[in-house]
Amino acid sequence: MRTRHLFLNILSAILLFFSSSVLYAQEPKIDSIIRKGRNIEIYTQDLKASRKALGGNIFLGKMRYSGNISRFFKDPFIIGIHLDFHRNKWVWQIDDYLGFGKTKEKMIFTENDIWDKDKSVYSVMLGGNLGYTLYDTRNIKFVPLAGINIQMLGSTFMGTSDIAEYEPVLPYFKLGFYIDFKSVVLLQKHIRINNEDENYTSLRLSMGINLPLSKGNYEEYFHGPMLYLTLGMGGLSRAYK
């Protein structure tokens, strides 16, 4: 009898919890505005979200080499920019960055053409990625990505190098993701209209791996995958009709 009574009490508590959760999850009435600090939720029948939006971020990060390339190049620091073009849940991203590092070992191409140890290395990455928004709430957006990038390694940032003909252009296939933490409201108010972001400012974390598409020349020096981790400030802006 006691067991039955305890079971009924537990069942009642569970039902009460779920009923309160459902009520809490229900959307507010149309033509209402909810303000929580600089986060603003608007519910109205007069505005309709565009399927397109523009976003992006400016970031700093670290690249980690592995394979043959890790024996001859130190892991570079990187600075760059992403531009995101959203349509529904799809994201097309332009991916650009500059890297700054040094050589770890001497590379000999010919008797007179040598990339010496502890010399500066500059890298430029250009590419494009396609992503899909798997998770998107008022606080977090999670987007996995895949794309094609090329990285150019050089011994000078601007100007002519003595070993320019040996400096590689490396093609990569990229797999990764980014997370926008929308709760970081710094530059503008975070506005959502009918559960769609009108705009937000976010802290963005990006991670992934670049896998080489070909070995190319001097693979003993330049071949190998690269892991990356970046952190930056970004956001999104969407039109409403």
Protein backbone atom coordinates (compact mmCIF):
# COMPACT_ATOMS: atom_id res chain seq x y z
CA MET A 1 0.00 0.00 0.00
CA ARG A 2 2.84 2.35 0.90
CA THR A 3 4.63 1.43 -2.32
CA ARG A 4 1.53 2.22 -4.36
CA HIS A 5 1.06 5.54 -2.56
CA LEU A 6 4.75 6.45 -3.17
CA PHE A 7 4.46 5.51 -6.86
CA LEU A 8 1.37 7.72 -7.28
CA ASN A 9 3.14 10.63 -5.61
CA ILE A 10 6.17 10.26 -7.91
CA LEU A 11 3.93 9.98 -10.99
CA SER A 12 2.02 13.10 -9.94
CA ALA A 13 5.28 15.01 -9.48
CA ILE A 14 6.51 13.95 -12.94
CA LEU A 15 3.23 14.97 -14.59
CA LEU A 16 3.29 18.30 -12.75
CA PHE A 17 6.88 18.92 -13.90
CA PHE A 18 6.14 18.20 -17.55
CA SER A 19 2.90 20.18 -17.54
CA SER A 20 4.69 23.19 -16.08
CA SER A 21 7.52 22.77 -18.63
CA VAL A 22 5.03 22.71 -21.50
CA LEU A 23 3.30 25.80 -20.20
CA TYR A 24 6.65 27.56 -19.76
CA ALA A 25 7.73 26.58 -23.29
CA GLN A 26 4.61 28.01 -24.89
CA GLU A 27 5.20 31.15 -26.92
CA PRO A 28 3.93 34.45 -25.54
CA LYS A 29 0.91 36.03 -27.16
CA ILE A 30 1.17 37.75 -30.53
CA ASP A 31 2.08 41.47 -30.40
CA SER A 32 4.13 41.13 -27.24
CA ILE A 33 7.69 42.14 -26.34
CA ILE A 34 9.87 40.43 -23.73
CA ARG A 35 13.01 42.21 -22.51
CA LYS A 36 15.76 40.50 -20.53
CA GLY A 37 18.61 42.98 -20.28
CA ARG A 38 19.79 43.61 -23.85
CA ASN A 39 18.02 40.47 -25.14
CA ILE A 40 14.69 41.33 -26.76
CA GLU A 41 12.04 38.83 -27.95
CA ILE A 42 9.30 40.21 -30.23
CA TYR A 43 6.20 38.30 -31.30
CA THR A 44 4.13 39.87 -34.06
CA GLN A 45 2.12 38.93 -37.14
CA ASP A 46 3.26 42.04 -39.02
CA LEU A 47 6.86 40.94 -39.69
CA LYS A 48 8.21 37.97 -41.61
CA ALA A 49 11.85 36.87 -41.51
CA SER A 50 13.91 36.83 -44.70
CA ARG A 51 15.36 33.44 -45.59
CA LYS A 52 18.73 35.17 -46.11
CA ALA A 53 21.12 36.57 -43.50
CA LEU A 54 24.69 37.87 -43.40
CA GLY A 55 27.16 36.97 -40.66
CA GLY A 56 30.80 36.38 -39.89
CA ASN A 57 33.58 36.96 -37.39
CA ILE A 58 37.14 38.21 -36.88
CA PHE A 59 39.32 35.68 -35.08
CA LEU A 60 42.66 34.74 -33.55
CA GLY A 61 43.84 31.18 -33.24
CA LYS A 62 46.44 28.48 -33.43
CA MET A 63 47.24 25.95 -36.17
CA ARG A 64 48.84 22.61 -35.28
CA TYR A 65 50.74 20.71 -37.98
CA SER A 66 51.17 16.94 -38.11
CA GLY A 67 52.86 14.60 -40.55
CA ASN A 68 55.98 15.59 -42.49
CA ILE A 69 55.26 19.32 -42.36
CA SER A 70 55.38 19.27 -38.54
CA ARG A 71 59.06 18.26 -38.65
CA PHE A 72 60.07 21.41 -40.53
CA PHE A 73 57.56 24.10 -39.46
CA LYS A 74 56.55 25.35 -36.04
CA ASP A 75 52.83 25.64 -35.34
CA PRO A 76 51.75 29.14 -36.47
CA PHE A 77 49.49 31.70 -34.85
CA ILE A 78 46.71 32.83 -37.16
CA ILE A 79 44.48 35.86 -37.58
CA GLY A 80 41.64 36.03 -40.04
CA ILE A 81 38.05 36.63 -41.02
CA HIS A 82 34.99 34.57 -41.93
CA LEU A 83 32.11 35.86 -44.00
CA ASP A 84 28.89 33.83 -43.72
CA PHE A 85 26.01 33.90 -46.18
CA HIS A 86 22.92 32.21 -44.70
CA ARG A 87 19.92 30.87 -46.59
CA ASN A 88 17.42 29.00 -44.44
CA LYS A 89 19.66 26.62 -42.47
CA TRP A 90 22.45 26.50 -45.06
CA VAL A 91 25.64 28.54 -44.62
CA TRP A 92 28.18 29.37 -47.34
CA GLN A 93 31.36 30.65 -45.76
CA ILE A 94 34.40 32.50 -47.14
CA ASP A 95 37.45 31.53 -45.08
CA ASP A 96 40.63 33.70 -45.03
CA TYR A 97 43.53 33.97 -42.63
CA LEU A 98 47.18 34.93 -42.22
CA GLY A 99 49.62 32.76 -40.28
CA PHE A 100 52.92 33.64 -38.59
CA GLY A 101 55.50 31.03 -37.59
CA LYS A 102 59.08 29.81 -38.03
CA THR A 103 60.97 26.90 -39.56
CA LYS A 104 62.15 24.08 -37.26
CA GLU A 105 64.71 22.43 -39.51
CA LYS A 106 66.75 23.30 -42.59
CA MET A 107 65.18 22.43 -45.98
CA ILE A 108 67.58 21.87 -48.88
CA PHE A 109 66.16 22.13 -52.40
CA THR A 110 69.44 22.49 -54.32
CA GLU A 111 73.00 23.19 -53.29
CA ASN A 112 72.36 26.93 -53.32
CA ASP A 113 68.64 27.03 -52.52
CA ILE A 114 68.08 26.49 -48.80
CA TRP A 115 65.27 27.43 -46.42
CA ASP A 116 67.26 27.67 -43.21
CA LYS A 117 66.33 26.81 -39.63
CA ASP A 118 64.60 29.42 -37.39
CA LYS A 119 63.55 31.58 -40.34
CA SER A 120 60.22 33.39 -40.47
CA VAL A 121 57.32 31.66 -42.22
CA TYR A 122 54.22 33.48 -43.45
CA SER A 123 51.13 31.64 -44.60
CA VAL A 124 47.95 32.70 -46.37
CA MET A 125 44.84 30.51 -46.42
CA LEU A 126 41.98 31.11 -48.85
CA GLY A 127 38.93 28.92 -49.19
CA GLY A 128 35.21 28.30 -49.06
CA ASN A 129 33.06 26.09 -46.86
CA LEU A 130 29.49 24.83 -46.91
CA GLY A 131 27.70 24.32 -43.62
CA TYR A 132 24.31 23.39 -42.21
CA THR A 133 22.79 24.72 -38.99
CA LEU A 134 22.11 21.67 -36.82
CA TYR A 135 21.28 23.49 -33.59
CA ASP A 136 20.03 27.04 -33.15
CA THR A 137 18.50 28.55 -30.01
CA ARG A 138 18.36 32.04 -28.52
CA ASN A 139 21.77 31.33 -26.89
CA ILE A 140 23.78 28.99 -29.14
CA LYS A 141 24.18 28.20 -32.84
CA PHE A 142 26.10 25.07 -33.94
CA VAL A 143 27.14 24.69 -37.61
CA PRO A 144 29.29 21.81 -38.99
CA LEU A 145 31.27 22.69 -42.14
CA ALA A 146 33.10 21.09 -45.05
CA GLY A 147 35.07 22.84 -47.77
CA ILE A 148 38.14 23.29 -49.95
CA ASN A 149 41.07 25.57 -48.99
CA ILE A 150 44.53 26.37 -50.30
CA GLN A 151 47.46 27.45 -48.14
CA MET A 152 50.47 29.35 -49.48
CA LEU A 153 53.67 29.23 -47.43
CA GLY A 154 56.34 31.90 -47.90
CA SER A 155 59.58 33.10 -46.38
CA THR A 156 58.64 36.78 -46.81
CA PHE A 157 55.37 38.58 -46.11
CA MET A 158 55.69 41.02 -49.01
CA GLY A 159 58.50 41.07 -51.53
CA THR A 160 60.61 38.63 -53.50
CA SER A 161 62.14 35.56 -51.88
CA ASP A 162 65.34 33.76 -52.93
CA ILE A 163 63.45 30.46 -52.74
CA ALA A 164 60.16 31.69 -54.22
CA GLU A 165 60.02 28.86 -56.78
CA TYR A 166 60.00 26.27 -53.97
CA GLU A 167 57.43 27.92 -51.71
CA PRO A 168 54.37 25.64 -51.87
CA VAL A 169 50.68 26.11 -52.63
CA LEU A 170 48.94 23.36 -50.64
CA PRO A 171 45.33 22.27 -51.36
CA TYR A 172 43.25 20.93 -48.47
CA PHE A 173 39.86 19.40 -47.77
CA LYS A 174 38.40 20.90 -44.61
CA LEU A 175 36.11 19.38 -41.97
CA GLY A 176 35.10 21.44 -38.96
CA PHE A 177 32.42 23.36 -37.12
CA TYR A 178 31.72 26.65 -35.40
CA ILE A 179 29.66 27.59 -32.36
CA ASP A 180 28.20 31.07 -31.87
CA PHE A 181 27.59 31.95 -28.22
CA LYS A 182 24.87 34.55 -28.67
CA SER A 183 24.56 35.32 -24.96
CA VAL A 184 27.65 37.53 -25.20
CA VAL A 185 25.85 40.82 -25.92
CA LEU A 186 28.53 43.51 -26.29
CA LEU A 187 28.13 45.65 -29.38
CA GLN A 188 24.38 45.71 -29.94
CA LYS A 189 21.09 44.40 -28.61
CA HIS A 190 20.22 40.79 -29.45
CA ILE A 191 16.82 40.92 -31.12
CA ARG A 192 14.70 37.90 -32.06
CA ILE A 193 11.40 38.23 -33.91
CA ASN A 194 9.04 35.24 -33.92
CA ASN A 195 11.89 32.95 -32.78
CA GLU A 196 14.25 34.05 -35.60
CA ASP A 197 17.36 36.15 -34.99
CA GLU A 198 17.07 39.65 -36.42
CA ASN A 199 20.63 40.31 -35.23
CA TYR A 200 23.10 39.23 -32.59
CA THR A 201 26.71 39.73 -31.49
CA SER A 202 28.48 36.53 -30.51
CA LEU A 203 31.65 34.92 -29.27
CA ARG A 204 32.60 32.30 -31.89
CA LEU A 205 34.59 29.12 -31.34
CA SER A 206 35.82 27.29 -34.46
CA MET A 207 37.59 23.94 -34.65
CA GLY A 208 38.50 21.53 -37.42
CA ILE A 209 41.07 19.73 -39.53
CA ASN A 210 42.54 20.40 -42.97
CA LEU A 211 43.41 17.20 -44.86
CA PRO A 212 45.89 17.41 -47.81
CA LEU A 213 44.39 16.68 -51.22
CA SER A 214 47.74 15.97 -52.94
CA LYS A 215 51.35 15.39 -52.02
CA GLY A 216 52.87 17.88 -54.49
CA ASN A 217 56.56 18.66 -54.80
CA TYR A 218 58.90 18.17 -51.84
CA GLU A 219 56.34 16.18 -49.88
CA GLU A 220 59.06 15.30 -47.36
CA TYR A 221 58.87 18.96 -46.25
CA PHE A 222 55.31 20.13 -46.88
CA HIS A 223 52.90 17.18 -46.67
CA GLY A 224 50.61 16.67 -43.69
CA PRO A 225 47.24 17.57 -42.12
CA MET A 226 46.60 20.61 -39.94
CA LEU A 227 44.36 21.05 -36.89
CA TYR A 228 43.05 24.49 -36.02
CA LEU A 229 41.34 26.24 -33.11
CA THR A 230 40.17 29.86 -33.28
CA LEU A 231 38.24 32.26 -31.07
CA GLY A 232 36.70 35.50 -32.30
CA MET A 233 33.92 38.06 -32.21
CA GLY A 234 31.15 37.87 -34.77
CA GLY A 235 27.46 38.13 -35.33
CA LEU A 236 24.54 38.02 -37.74
CA SER A 237 22.07 40.41 -39.35
CA ARG A 238 18.78 39.50 -41.05
CA ALA A 239 16.16 41.56 -42.85
CA TYR A 240 12.45 41.44 -42.00
CA LYS A 241 9.48 42.27 -44.21
